[in-house]
Amino acid sequence: MAEKYDVVARVVSQKGSCGAGHKVGDKWLIAGKTPAGMCFSAFYAVYPTARVLMFGGTLPWEPDPDVTKIACPDAENPVIIELRRVRK
């Protein structure tokens, strides 16, 4: 069985007016359930990639195997979320 890691999601950029009120610096721990306070659309966008990081996978286009960025699906008010694998 693959080792399981936690993933920290942090807003690193926000332009326009986020309907959920997310702002730079907001942070959530993704560790097996939807984080309180993270809007459903943002969670839906980051979840597939967070699962890759949670189970030790890597993204070949990223220079740091523990970090990637995902954009919220709202193109008019983009929120960029950094995902960082937490090594225990």
N, C-alpha and C. Protein backbone atom coordinates (compact mmCIF):
# COMPACT_ATOMS: atom_id res chain seq x y z
N MET A 1 0.84 -1.18 0.00
CA MET A 1 0.00 0.00 0.00
C MET A 1 0.88 1.25 0.00
N ALA A 2 0.49 2.24 -0.79
CA ALA A 2 1.25 3.48 -0.90
C ALA A 2 1.16 4.27 0.40
N GLU A 3 2.27 4.95 0.73
CA GLU A 3 2.25 5.84 1.88
C GLU A 3 1.33 7.00 1.59
N LYS A 4 0.60 7.47 2.58
CA LYS A 4 -0.36 8.57 2.39
C LYS A 4 0.18 9.83 3.05
N TYR A 5 0.08 10.94 2.34
CA TYR A 5 0.54 12.23 2.82
C TYR A 5 -0.65 13.18 2.95
N ASP A 6 -0.49 14.23 3.74
CA ASP A 6 -1.45 15.32 3.75
C ASP A 6 -1.02 16.31 2.68
N VAL A 7 -1.96 17.14 2.24
CA VAL A 7 -1.67 18.18 1.26
C VAL A 7 -2.24 19.49 1.80
N VAL A 8 -1.42 20.54 1.74
CA VAL A 8 -1.86 21.86 2.14
C VAL A 8 -2.19 22.64 0.88
N ALA A 9 -3.39 23.20 0.83
CA ALA A 9 -3.82 24.06 -0.27
C ALA A 9 -3.78 25.49 0.23
N ARG A 10 -3.12 26.38 -0.56
CA ARG A 10 -2.97 27.78 -0.14
C ARG A 10 -3.22 28.69 -1.34
N VAL A 11 -4.06 29.70 -1.16
CA VAL A 11 -4.32 30.67 -2.23
C VAL A 11 -3.08 31.55 -2.38
N VAL A 12 -2.51 31.54 -3.60
CA VAL A 12 -1.31 32.34 -3.87
C VAL A 12 -1.60 33.52 -4.78
N SER A 13 -2.76 33.54 -5.42
CA SER A 13 -3.15 34.65 -6.29
C SER A 13 -4.66 34.68 -6.41
N GLN A 14 -5.23 35.90 -6.42
CA GLN A 14 -6.67 36.04 -6.59
C GLN A 14 -6.91 37.37 -7.29
N LYS A 15 -7.62 37.32 -8.41
CA LYS A 15 -7.92 38.53 -9.18
C LYS A 15 -9.43 38.64 -9.33
N GLY A 16 -9.91 39.85 -9.40
CA GLY A 16 -11.35 40.05 -9.54
C GLY A 16 -12.03 39.89 -8.19
N SER A 17 -13.24 39.35 -8.23
CA SER A 17 -14.05 39.19 -7.03
C SER A 17 -14.46 37.74 -6.88
N CYS A 18 -13.81 37.04 -5.99
CA CYS A 18 -14.12 35.63 -5.75
C CYS A 18 -15.48 35.54 -5.04
N GLY A 19 -16.41 34.82 -5.62
CA GLY A 19 -17.75 34.66 -5.05
C GLY A 19 -17.75 34.02 -3.67
N ALA A 20 -16.74 33.21 -3.39
CA ALA A 20 -16.65 32.54 -2.09
C ALA A 20 -15.83 33.35 -1.09
N GLY A 21 -15.24 34.46 -1.56
CA GLY A 21 -14.45 35.30 -0.66
C GLY A 21 -13.04 34.81 -0.40
N HIS A 22 -12.55 33.86 -1.21
CA HIS A 22 -11.18 33.40 -1.01
C HIS A 22 -10.21 34.52 -1.33
N LYS A 23 -9.12 34.57 -0.56
CA LYS A 23 -8.12 35.62 -0.75
C LYS A 23 -6.72 35.03 -0.54
N VAL A 24 -5.72 35.75 -1.03
CA VAL A 24 -4.34 35.31 -0.90
C VAL A 24 -4.04 35.04 0.58
N GLY A 25 -3.43 33.90 0.82
CA GLY A 25 -3.08 33.50 2.18
C GLY A 25 -4.03 32.49 2.80
N ASP A 26 -5.25 32.35 2.26
CA ASP A 26 -6.17 31.33 2.78
C ASP A 26 -5.52 29.97 2.65
N LYS A 27 -5.69 29.12 3.68
CA LYS A 27 -5.06 27.80 3.69
C LYS A 27 -6.03 26.75 4.19
N TRP A 28 -5.90 25.54 3.63
CA TRP A 28 -6.70 24.41 4.06
C TRP A 28 -5.84 23.16 4.05
N LEU A 29 -6.13 22.25 4.95
CA LEU A 29 -5.49 20.94 4.96
C LEU A 29 -6.41 19.97 4.25
N ILE A 30 -5.88 19.29 3.25
CA ILE A 30 -6.64 18.26 2.54
C ILE A 30 -6.10 16.93 3.02
N ALA A 31 -6.92 16.25 3.80
CA ALA A 31 -6.46 15.01 4.43
C ALA A 31 -7.60 14.01 4.55
N GLY A 32 -8.33 13.79 3.48
CA GLY A 32 -9.35 12.77 3.50
C GLY A 32 -10.78 13.26 3.49
N LYS A 33 -10.99 14.58 3.65
CA LYS A 33 -12.35 15.10 3.56
C LYS A 33 -12.30 16.53 3.03
N THR A 34 -13.45 17.03 2.59
CA THR A 34 -13.52 18.39 2.07
C THR A 34 -13.20 19.37 3.19
N PRO A 35 -12.23 20.25 2.98
CA PRO A 35 -11.86 21.20 4.04
C PRO A 35 -12.97 22.22 4.30
N ALA A 36 -13.24 22.50 5.55
CA ALA A 36 -14.23 23.52 5.91
C ALA A 36 -13.77 24.87 5.38
N GLY A 37 -14.69 25.59 4.76
CA GLY A 37 -14.40 26.93 4.27
C GLY A 37 -13.91 27.00 2.84
N MET A 38 -13.58 25.87 2.23
CA MET A 38 -13.15 25.88 0.83
C MET A 38 -14.38 25.67 -0.03
N CYS A 39 -14.58 26.56 -1.00
CA CYS A 39 -15.78 26.42 -1.83
C CYS A 39 -15.72 25.14 -2.66
N PHE A 40 -16.89 24.66 -3.01
CA PHE A 40 -17.00 23.40 -3.73
C PHE A 40 -16.28 23.45 -5.07
N SER A 41 -16.38 24.56 -5.79
CA SER A 41 -15.73 24.66 -7.11
C SER A 41 -14.21 24.57 -7.00
N ALA A 42 -13.65 25.25 -6.02
CA ALA A 42 -12.20 25.18 -5.82
C ALA A 42 -11.79 23.77 -5.42
N PHE A 43 -12.54 23.16 -4.51
CA PHE A 43 -12.21 21.80 -4.09
C PHE A 43 -12.29 20.83 -5.26
N TYR A 44 -13.33 20.97 -6.06
CA TYR A 44 -13.50 20.12 -7.23
C TYR A 44 -12.32 20.26 -8.19
N ALA A 45 -11.79 21.47 -8.33
CA ALA A 45 -10.66 21.72 -9.22
C ALA A 45 -9.37 21.10 -8.69
N VAL A 46 -9.13 21.19 -7.38
CA VAL A 46 -7.86 20.72 -6.84
C VAL A 46 -7.85 19.24 -6.47
N TYR A 47 -9.01 18.66 -6.23
CA TYR A 47 -9.08 17.30 -5.70
C TYR A 47 -8.31 16.25 -6.52
N PRO A 48 -8.45 16.18 -7.84
CA PRO A 48 -7.72 15.13 -8.56
C PRO A 48 -6.20 15.23 -8.39
N THR A 49 -5.69 16.44 -8.43
CA THR A 49 -4.25 16.61 -8.29
C THR A 49 -3.81 16.40 -6.84
N ALA A 50 -4.63 16.83 -5.90
CA ALA A 50 -4.32 16.59 -4.48
C ALA A 50 -4.22 15.10 -4.21
N ARG A 51 -5.07 14.29 -4.82
CA ARG A 51 -5.02 12.83 -4.64
C ARG A 51 -3.69 12.26 -5.15
N VAL A 52 -3.21 12.79 -6.27
CA VAL A 52 -1.91 12.34 -6.78
C VAL A 52 -0.84 12.58 -5.73
N LEU A 53 -0.81 13.80 -5.19
CA LEU A 53 0.20 14.13 -4.18
C LEU A 53 -0.01 13.34 -2.89
N MET A 54 -1.26 13.13 -2.49
CA MET A 54 -1.56 12.40 -1.25
C MET A 54 -1.00 10.98 -1.26
N PHE A 55 -0.96 10.37 -2.43
CA PHE A 55 -0.52 8.98 -2.50
C PHE A 55 0.87 8.82 -3.10
N GLY A 56 1.68 9.89 -3.04
CA GLY A 56 3.08 9.79 -3.41
C GLY A 56 3.40 9.98 -4.87
N GLY A 57 2.39 10.29 -5.69
CA GLY A 57 2.62 10.49 -7.11
C GLY A 57 3.30 11.82 -7.39
N THR A 58 3.79 11.96 -8.61
CA THR A 58 4.42 13.20 -9.03
C THR A 58 3.81 13.66 -10.35
N LEU A 59 4.03 14.92 -10.65
CA LEU A 59 3.59 15.52 -11.91
C LEU A 59 4.85 15.83 -12.70
N PRO A 60 5.07 15.15 -13.82
CA PRO A 60 6.36 15.23 -14.51
C PRO A 60 6.73 16.62 -15.00
N TRP A 61 5.79 17.53 -15.15
CA TRP A 61 6.09 18.87 -15.62
C TRP A 61 6.49 19.83 -14.50
N GLU A 62 6.37 19.40 -13.26
CA GLU A 62 6.71 20.27 -12.12
C GLU A 62 8.15 20.03 -11.67
N PRO A 63 8.94 21.09 -11.48
CA PRO A 63 10.33 20.91 -11.03
C PRO A 63 10.42 20.41 -9.59
N ASP A 64 9.45 20.76 -8.74
CA ASP A 64 9.41 20.29 -7.35
C ASP A 64 8.32 19.23 -7.27
N PRO A 65 8.66 17.99 -6.97
CA PRO A 65 7.66 16.92 -6.96
C PRO A 65 6.59 17.06 -5.87
N ASP A 66 6.81 17.97 -4.93
CA ASP A 66 5.88 18.14 -3.82
C ASP A 66 4.95 19.34 -3.98
N VAL A 67 5.08 20.11 -5.07
CA VAL A 67 4.33 21.36 -5.21
C VAL A 67 3.78 21.50 -6.62
N THR A 68 2.54 21.98 -6.71
CA THR A 68 1.95 22.33 -8.00
C THR A 68 0.92 23.44 -7.76
N LYS A 69 0.45 24.05 -8.82
CA LYS A 69 -0.58 25.09 -8.72
C LYS A 69 -1.76 24.72 -9.61
N ILE A 70 -2.95 25.04 -9.11
CA ILE A 70 -4.20 24.75 -9.80
C ILE A 70 -5.03 26.03 -9.84
N ALA A 71 -5.70 26.27 -10.96
CA ALA A 71 -6.56 27.44 -11.09
C ALA A 71 -8.01 27.06 -10.82
N CYS A 72 -8.70 27.93 -10.12
CA CYS A 72 -10.14 27.81 -9.93
C CYS A 72 -10.81 27.90 -11.29
N PRO A 73 -11.93 27.25 -11.50
CA PRO A 73 -12.57 27.27 -12.82
C PRO A 73 -13.25 28.59 -13.20
N ASP A 74 -13.30 29.58 -12.31
CA ASP A 74 -13.91 30.87 -12.64
C ASP A 74 -12.91 31.73 -13.40
N ALA A 75 -12.98 31.73 -14.72
CA ALA A 75 -12.02 32.44 -15.56
C ALA A 75 -12.09 33.96 -15.41
N GLU A 76 -13.24 34.48 -15.00
CA GLU A 76 -13.39 35.93 -14.84
C GLU A 76 -12.79 36.42 -13.52
N ASN A 77 -12.69 35.55 -12.54
CA ASN A 77 -12.18 35.91 -11.21
C ASN A 77 -11.24 34.81 -10.73
N PRO A 78 -10.10 34.65 -11.41
CA PRO A 78 -9.25 33.49 -11.12
C PRO A 78 -8.62 33.49 -9.72
N VAL A 79 -8.69 32.34 -9.11
CA VAL A 79 -8.01 32.07 -7.85
C VAL A 79 -7.00 30.97 -8.15
N ILE A 80 -5.74 31.22 -7.81
CA ILE A 80 -4.69 30.22 -8.02
C ILE A 80 -4.35 29.62 -6.67
N ILE A 81 -4.41 28.29 -6.61
CA ILE A 81 -4.18 27.56 -5.37
C ILE A 81 -2.94 26.69 -5.52
N GLU A 82 -2.00 26.87 -4.60
CA GLU A 82 -0.81 26.02 -4.55
C GLU A 82 -1.12 24.81 -3.70
N LEU A 83 -0.78 23.64 -4.21
CA LEU A 83 -0.88 22.40 -3.44
C LEU A 83 0.52 21.98 -3.05
N ARG A 84 0.71 21.67 -1.78
CA ARG A 84 2.02 21.27 -1.28
C ARG A 84 1.87 19.99 -0.46
N ARG A 85 2.60 18.96 -0.87
CA ARG A 85 2.60 17.70 -0.12
C ARG A 85 3.34 17.92 1.20
N VAL A 86 2.75 17.43 2.27
CA VAL A 86 3.36 17.55 3.60
C VAL A 86 3.98 16.21 3.94
N ARG A 87 5.27 16.21 4.03
CA ARG A 87 6.00 14.98 4.39
C ARG A 87 6.01 14.85 5.92
N LYS A 88 5.63 13.68 6.38
CA LYS A 88 5.55 13.45 7.83
C LYS A 88 6.86 12.93 8.37
